[in-house]
């Protein structure tokens, strides 16, 4: 990784520290499939006169608002910490110390921690979700299934990404296997969720099962794409074989925009200026429902037409 860092003496702007996991170093490389988009953020921040450094897990924080620059090992006093790689938990000392100093953490551990549990998010945003039940004992699976409407249900872990452990099954055919047992035994357990039939698609966008993702940055929809499951699958996740198609802002239906505004208003009652993605499905009756809220904002593919708009809003968010 070769970060583009402006020397301190020439930077009239702010010291922005990007906190990443060591495993994310390749993210800011042109060899990474979205690397050019990540590098575009560094270019935009440099163009605005900000100094950008990187702090890694395992020793990037020195105390207060002091961080090691992960590439030069120099000490950096942060004005802003961009929590891209997930500062590890609310009890991480750097988070508390930064709140007591002049540094500001954006994409905060509090919000990331909130989003880490799908059931916690459901509890707060219940009116926007299909019915969801937490299962922490194997014996509770079948009785819980009976509480959900319809013939099908979704099984998923309370925590996890990239579609890990997600199943969409007929309720009368759902039996536990080793993976499902392991998920139920996890600290957060498993979730059973009412199945939302999205087979009629979204008018003007798609005519099949789908997962519509909105990325919220700087309190605006900064990126939109629809994910279509591969044939014979009902899981709209890229890591699970779904195809992705970018949408222009004007493509978003008014019903979805109004739905987003209601959800965002509820989130911002509790969390100031959050960055997140919202996964939505539109049912056969045309009603949008939430599938998931993620406390991260995946970057656009380099070829996406809306990439520069996303980068501009992210830079605005970081510097304001």
Protein backbone atom coordinates (compact mmCIF):
# COMPACT_ATOMS: atom_id res chain seq x y z
CA UNK A 1 0.00 0.00 0.00
CA UNK A 2 1.36 3.42 -0.94
CA UNK A 3 -0.72 6.12 0.76
CA UNK A 4 -0.59 9.60 -0.68
CA UNK A 5 0.43 11.75 2.30
CA UNK A 6 0.92 15.52 2.14
CA UNK A 7 3.84 16.72 4.31
CA UNK A 8 2.62 18.45 7.44
CA UNK A 9 4.22 21.80 6.63
CA UNK A 10 2.23 22.11 3.39
CA UNK A 11 -1.14 21.00 4.76
CA UNK A 12 -3.36 23.89 5.91
CA UNK A 13 -6.19 21.44 6.54
CA UNK A 14 -6.73 18.74 9.15
CA UNK A 15 -4.86 15.63 10.24
CA UNK A 16 -7.12 12.76 9.22
CA UNK A 17 -6.20 9.33 10.55
CA UNK A 18 -7.82 6.38 8.79
CA UNK A 19 -8.09 3.46 11.20
CA UNK A 20 -7.92 0.13 9.36
CA UNK A 21 -7.26 -3.47 10.22
CA UNK A 22 -3.86 -4.75 9.13
CA UNK A 23 -5.66 -7.09 6.75
CA UNK A 24 -7.14 -4.05 4.96
CA UNK A 25 -3.79 -2.59 3.85
CA UNK A 26 -4.30 -3.88 0.31
CA UNK A 27 -7.60 -1.96 0.12
CA UNK A 28 -5.64 1.20 -0.75
CA UNK A 29 -3.73 -0.53 -3.55
CA UNK A 30 -4.51 -0.28 -7.28
CA UNK A 31 -4.33 -4.07 -7.36
CA UNK A 32 -7.40 -4.36 -5.14
CA UNK A 33 -10.62 -4.60 -7.17
CA UNK A 34 -11.96 -1.38 -5.59
CA UNK A 35 -8.53 0.11 -4.92
CA UNK A 36 -8.91 3.01 -7.35
CA UNK A 37 -12.02 4.16 -5.47
CA UNK A 38 -10.21 4.09 -2.11
CA UNK A 39 -7.25 5.92 -3.63
CA UNK A 40 -9.65 8.49 -5.08
CA UNK A 41 -10.65 9.38 -1.51
CA UNK A 42 -6.99 10.00 -0.60
CA UNK A 43 -6.57 12.16 -3.71
CA UNK A 44 -9.67 14.20 -2.86
CA UNK A 45 -8.57 14.77 0.74
CA UNK A 46 -5.09 15.74 -0.42
CA UNK A 47 -6.57 18.13 -2.99
CA UNK A 48 -8.46 19.82 -0.15
CA UNK A 49 -5.22 20.27 1.80
CA UNK A 50 -5.68 17.57 4.44
CA UNK A 51 -2.92 15.32 5.72
CA UNK A 52 -3.88 11.63 5.69
CA UNK A 53 -2.23 8.95 7.81
CA UNK A 54 -3.08 5.34 8.62
CA UNK A 55 -3.29 3.63 12.00
CA UNK A 56 -3.53 -0.15 12.19
CA UNK A 57 -4.89 -2.48 14.82
CA UNK A 58 -2.30 -3.87 17.18
CA UNK A 59 -0.59 -0.65 18.22
CA UNK A 60 -1.80 2.21 16.07
CA UNK A 61 -3.05 4.23 19.03
CA UNK A 62 -0.63 5.90 21.45
CA UNK A 63 -3.06 7.65 23.79
CA UNK A 64 -5.44 10.59 23.68
CA UNK A 65 -5.57 11.74 20.08
CA UNK A 66 -2.05 10.49 19.25
CA UNK A 67 -1.63 7.73 16.67
CA UNK A 68 1.26 6.03 14.95
CA UNK A 69 1.29 6.56 11.22
CA UNK A 70 1.29 2.95 10.13
CA UNK A 71 3.73 3.51 7.27
CA UNK A 72 6.32 5.90 8.68
CA UNK A 73 5.84 5.19 12.42
CA UNK A 74 5.81 8.93 13.06
CA UNK A 75 3.43 10.22 15.71
CA UNK A 76 0.32 11.92 14.37
CA UNK A 77 -2.03 14.09 16.43
CA UNK A 78 -5.43 13.42 14.88
CA UNK A 79 -8.12 15.98 14.26
CA UNK A 80 -10.40 13.32 12.78
CA UNK A 81 -10.30 9.53 13.01
CA UNK A 82 -12.11 7.72 10.21
CA UNK A 83 -13.11 4.38 11.74
CA UNK A 84 -12.94 2.38 8.51
CA UNK A 85 -11.59 -0.85 9.98
CA UNK A 86 -13.63 -0.91 13.17
CA UNK A 87 -11.88 0.35 16.29
CA UNK A 88 -12.35 -2.71 18.49
CA UNK A 89 -15.29 -1.99 20.72
CA UNK A 90 -16.72 0.75 22.87
CA UNK A 91 -14.16 0.00 25.58
CA UNK A 92 -11.22 0.63 23.24
CA UNK A 93 -9.22 3.28 25.14
CA UNK A 94 -8.58 5.36 22.04
CA UNK A 95 -12.29 5.88 21.53
CA UNK A 96 -12.89 7.27 25.01
CA UNK A 97 -9.70 9.34 24.98
CA UNK A 98 -10.45 10.78 21.58
CA UNK A 99 -13.87 11.89 22.81
CA UNK A 100 -12.10 13.76 25.61
CA UNK A 101 -9.66 15.44 23.23
CA UNK A 102 -10.22 17.56 20.16
CA UNK A 103 -10.17 14.55 17.81
CA UNK A 104 -13.48 13.38 16.36
CA UNK A 105 -14.19 9.76 15.52
CA UNK A 106 -16.49 9.34 12.56
CA UNK A 107 -18.27 6.05 11.88
CA UNK A 108 -18.15 5.72 15.65
CA UNK A 109 -17.59 2.53 17.66
CA UNK A 110 -20.99 3.16 19.29
CA UNK A 111 -22.81 3.05 15.96
CA UNK A 112 -20.69 0.18 14.62
CA UNK A 113 -21.40 -1.74 17.82
CA UNK A 114 -25.11 -1.04 17.49
CA UNK A 115 -25.16 -2.35 13.92
CA UNK A 116 -23.07 -5.42 14.78
CA UNK A 117 -26.15 -7.13 16.22
CA UNK A 118 -28.94 -7.55 13.69
CA UNK A 119 -31.42 -8.20 16.48
CA UNK A 120 -30.41 -5.01 18.31
CA UNK A 121 -31.06 -3.05 15.10
CA UNK A 122 -34.39 -4.83 14.70
CA UNK A 123 -35.36 -3.93 18.25
CA UNK A 124 -34.85 -0.23 17.56
CA UNK A 125 -36.25 -0.14 14.00
CA UNK A 126 -38.89 -2.82 14.42
CA UNK A 127 -41.58 -0.97 12.47
CA UNK A 128 -39.49 -1.09 9.29
CA UNK A 129 -38.56 -4.80 9.36
CA UNK A 130 -40.37 -8.05 8.66
CA UNK A 131 -41.10 -9.93 11.87
CA UNK A 132 -37.89 -11.28 13.42
CA UNK A 133 -37.30 -13.68 16.33
CA UNK A 134 -34.03 -14.44 18.08
CA UNK A 135 -33.24 -18.13 18.69
CA UNK A 136 -30.59 -19.04 21.27
CA UNK A 137 -31.61 -22.68 21.91
CA UNK A 138 -32.01 -25.46 19.37
CA UNK A 139 -35.31 -26.48 20.95
CA UNK A 140 -36.75 -23.02 20.26
CA UNK A 141 -36.29 -23.19 16.48
CA UNK A 142 -39.46 -25.02 15.47
CA UNK A 143 -41.79 -23.26 17.96
CA UNK A 144 -40.42 -19.91 16.76
CA UNK A 145 -41.07 -20.83 13.14
CA UNK A 146 -44.77 -21.20 13.95
CA UNK A 147 -44.87 -17.55 15.05
CA UNK A 148 -43.84 -16.31 11.60
CA UNK A 149 -46.44 -15.84 8.83
CA UNK A 150 -46.16 -17.57 5.48
CA UNK A 151 -44.70 -20.87 4.29
CA UNK A 152 -41.07 -19.76 4.16
CA UNK A 153 -38.60 -18.20 6.58
CA UNK A 154 -35.08 -16.79 6.65
CA UNK A 155 -32.44 -18.14 9.02
CA UNK A 156 -29.37 -15.99 9.65
CA UNK A 157 -26.75 -15.33 12.35
CA UNK A 158 -27.19 -12.34 14.62
CA UNK A 159 -23.70 -11.21 13.64
CA UNK A 160 -21.93 -11.77 10.36
CA UNK A 161 -21.28 -10.43 6.89
CA UNK A 162 -21.16 -11.54 3.26
CA UNK A 163 -24.23 -13.73 3.61
CA UNK A 164 -22.55 -16.11 6.07
CA UNK A 165 -24.98 -18.74 7.30
CA UNK A 166 -28.05 -17.23 5.63
CA UNK A 167 -30.71 -19.74 4.59
CA UNK A 168 -34.08 -19.21 2.93
CA UNK A 169 -36.11 -22.35 3.47
CA UNK A 170 -39.64 -23.71 3.53
CA UNK A 171 -40.75 -23.78 7.14
CA UNK A 172 -41.91 -27.41 7.01
CA UNK A 173 -38.53 -28.46 5.60
CA UNK A 174 -36.27 -26.56 7.99
CA UNK A 175 -34.12 -28.97 9.97
CA UNK A 176 -30.97 -28.21 11.90
CA UNK A 177 -27.59 -29.06 10.44
CA UNK A 178 -24.15 -28.58 11.99
CA UNK A 179 -23.70 -25.04 10.66
CA UNK A 180 -27.08 -23.92 11.97
CA UNK A 181 -26.38 -25.49 15.37
CA UNK A 182 -23.05 -23.65 15.53
CA UNK A 183 -24.76 -20.33 14.71
CA UNK A 184 -27.43 -20.83 17.37
CA UNK A 185 -24.63 -21.50 19.88
CA UNK A 186 -22.89 -18.19 19.07
CA UNK A 187 -23.18 -15.39 21.67
CA UNK A 188 -25.86 -13.56 19.67
CA UNK A 189 -27.63 -16.70 18.56
CA UNK A 190 -29.56 -16.97 15.29
CA UNK A 191 -32.45 -14.99 13.85
CA UNK A 192 -35.59 -16.27 12.19
CA UNK A 193 -37.15 -13.69 9.91
CA UNK A 194 -40.41 -13.52 8.03
CA UNK A 195 -39.76 -14.16 4.35
CA UNK A 196 -40.50 -11.17 2.10
CA UNK A 197 -41.56 -12.18 -1.41
CA UNK A 198 -39.76 -9.72 -3.70
CA UNK A 199 -40.36 -11.75 -6.86
CA UNK A 200 -42.31 -8.97 -8.59
CA UNK A 201 -39.23 -6.76 -8.47
CA UNK A 202 -39.15 -2.97 -8.40
CA UNK A 203 -40.91 -1.11 -11.22
CA UNK A 204 -38.39 0.37 -13.63
CA UNK A 205 -35.45 -1.33 -11.92
CA UNK A 206 -35.85 -5.11 -11.92
CA UNK A 207 -38.56 -7.73 -12.34
CA UNK A 208 -37.27 -10.42 -10.02
CA UNK A 209 -36.03 -11.16 -6.52
CA UNK A 210 -33.72 -8.41 -5.34
CA UNK A 211 -31.88 -6.63 -2.55
CA UNK A 212 -31.71 -2.85 -2.98
CA UNK A 213 -28.78 -1.18 -1.20
CA UNK A 214 -28.59 2.51 -0.32
CA UNK A 215 -25.33 3.90 1.08
CA UNK A 216 -25.91 6.91 3.37
CA UNK A 217 -22.97 9.33 3.68
CA UNK A 218 -23.13 12.94 4.86
CA UNK A 219 -26.89 12.47 5.42
CA UNK A 220 -27.57 11.85 1.73
CA UNK A 221 -27.93 8.74 -0.42
CA UNK A 222 -24.42 8.70 -1.84
CA UNK A 223 -24.56 5.38 -3.68
CA UNK A 224 -27.30 3.00 -4.83
CA UNK A 225 -27.20 -0.43 -6.40
CA UNK A 226 -29.48 -3.42 -6.76
CA UNK A 227 -28.32 -6.98 -6.18
CA UNK A 228 -30.01 -9.82 -8.05
CA UNK A 229 -29.58 -13.38 -6.72
CA UNK A 230 -28.07 -15.92 -9.06
CA UNK A 231 -30.51 -18.44 -10.61
CA UNK A 232 -31.99 -20.91 -8.09
CA UNK A 233 -30.95 -18.66 -5.17
CA UNK A 234 -32.89 -16.19 -3.05
CA UNK A 235 -29.85 -14.56 -1.42
CA UNK A 236 -28.93 -11.17 -2.91
CA UNK A 237 -25.33 -11.01 -1.71
CA UNK A 238 -22.35 -10.46 -4.01
CA UNK A 239 -20.21 -12.89 -2.01
CA UNK A 240 -22.96 -15.48 -2.61
CA UNK A 241 -22.99 -15.00 -6.38
CA UNK A 242 -25.49 -12.16 -6.82
CA UNK A 243 -25.02 -9.68 -9.66
CA UNK A 244 -24.74 -5.96 -8.92
CA UNK A 245 -26.12 -3.09 -10.99
CA UNK A 246 -25.61 0.56 -10.12
CA UNK A 247 -28.62 2.85 -10.03
CA UNK A 248 -28.72 6.58 -10.67
CA UNK A 249 -30.37 8.75 -7.98
CA UNK A 250 -33.31 9.48 -10.26
CA UNK A 251 -33.96 5.72 -10.58
CA UNK A 252 -34.92 5.34 -6.91
CA UNK A 253 -38.73 5.06 -6.61
CA UNK A 254 -40.53 7.69 -4.54
CA UNK A 255 -41.82 5.02 -2.16
CA UNK A 256 -38.27 3.89 -1.44
CA UNK A 257 -37.08 7.48 -0.96
CA UNK A 258 -39.89 8.16 1.51
CA UNK A 259 -39.10 4.91 3.32
CA UNK A 260 -35.42 5.85 3.55
CA UNK A 261 -36.30 9.24 5.01
CA UNK A 262 -38.38 7.67 7.78
CA UNK A 263 -35.68 5.14 8.65
CA UNK A 264 -32.91 7.75 8.57
CA UNK A 265 -34.89 10.09 10.80
CA UNK A 266 -35.25 7.33 13.42
CA UNK A 267 -31.54 6.44 13.26
CA UNK A 268 -30.42 10.06 13.62
CA UNK A 269 -32.60 10.49 16.71
CA UNK A 270 -30.05 8.27 18.43
CA UNK A 271 -26.83 8.58 16.40
CA UNK A 272 -25.43 11.83 15.05
CA UNK A 273 -24.48 11.94 11.37
CA UNK A 274 -24.04 8.16 10.86
CA UNK A 275 -22.62 6.45 7.79
CA UNK A 276 -24.26 3.14 6.89
CA UNK A 277 -25.90 1.02 4.23
CA UNK A 278 -29.56 0.10 4.16
CA UNK A 279 -30.69 -3.12 2.44
CA UNK A 280 -34.30 -3.02 1.25
CA UNK A 281 -36.71 -5.41 -0.39
CA UNK A 282 -39.98 -4.38 -2.04
CA UNK A 283 -42.76 -6.88 -1.45
CA UNK A 284 -45.45 -7.97 -3.87
CA UNK A 285 -47.76 -5.26 -2.52
CA UNK A 286 -45.16 -2.55 -3.30
CA UNK A 287 -44.21 -1.96 0.34
CA UNK A 288 -40.48 -1.50 1.10
CA UNK A 289 -39.08 -3.35 4.11
CA UNK A 290 -35.65 -3.42 5.72
CA UNK A 291 -33.55 -6.54 5.49
CA UNK A 292 -30.49 -5.15 7.24
CA UNK A 293 -28.60 -2.06 8.38
CA UNK A 294 -24.81 -2.22 8.10
CA UNK A 295 -22.53 0.12 10.04
CA UNK A 296 -20.12 0.42 7.13
CA UNK A 297 -20.33 1.99 3.69
CA UNK A 298 -18.82 -0.25 1.06
CA UNK A 299 -16.99 1.80 -1.56
CA UNK A 300 -18.26 1.94 -5.15
CA UNK A 301 -16.65 -0.05 -7.91
CA UNK A 302 -14.20 2.14 -9.86
CA UNK A 303 -16.36 2.05 -12.98
CA UNK A 304 -19.52 3.23 -11.21
CA UNK A 305 -20.81 6.51 -12.63
CA UNK A 306 -21.61 7.75 -9.12
CA UNK A 307 -18.13 7.13 -7.72
CA UNK A 308 -17.08 10.79 -7.66
CA UNK A 309 -20.34 11.81 -5.96
CA UNK A 310 -19.75 9.18 -3.27
CA UNK A 311 -16.14 10.32 -2.75
CA UNK A 312 -17.16 13.98 -2.55
CA UNK A 313 -19.78 13.26 0.12
CA UNK A 314 -17.38 11.11 2.11
CA UNK A 315 -14.72 13.84 2.01
CA UNK A 316 -17.34 16.44 3.02
CA UNK A 317 -18.39 14.20 5.90
CA UNK A 318 -14.83 13.76 7.14
CA UNK A 319 -13.81 17.40 7.03
CA UNK A 320 -16.96 19.11 8.32
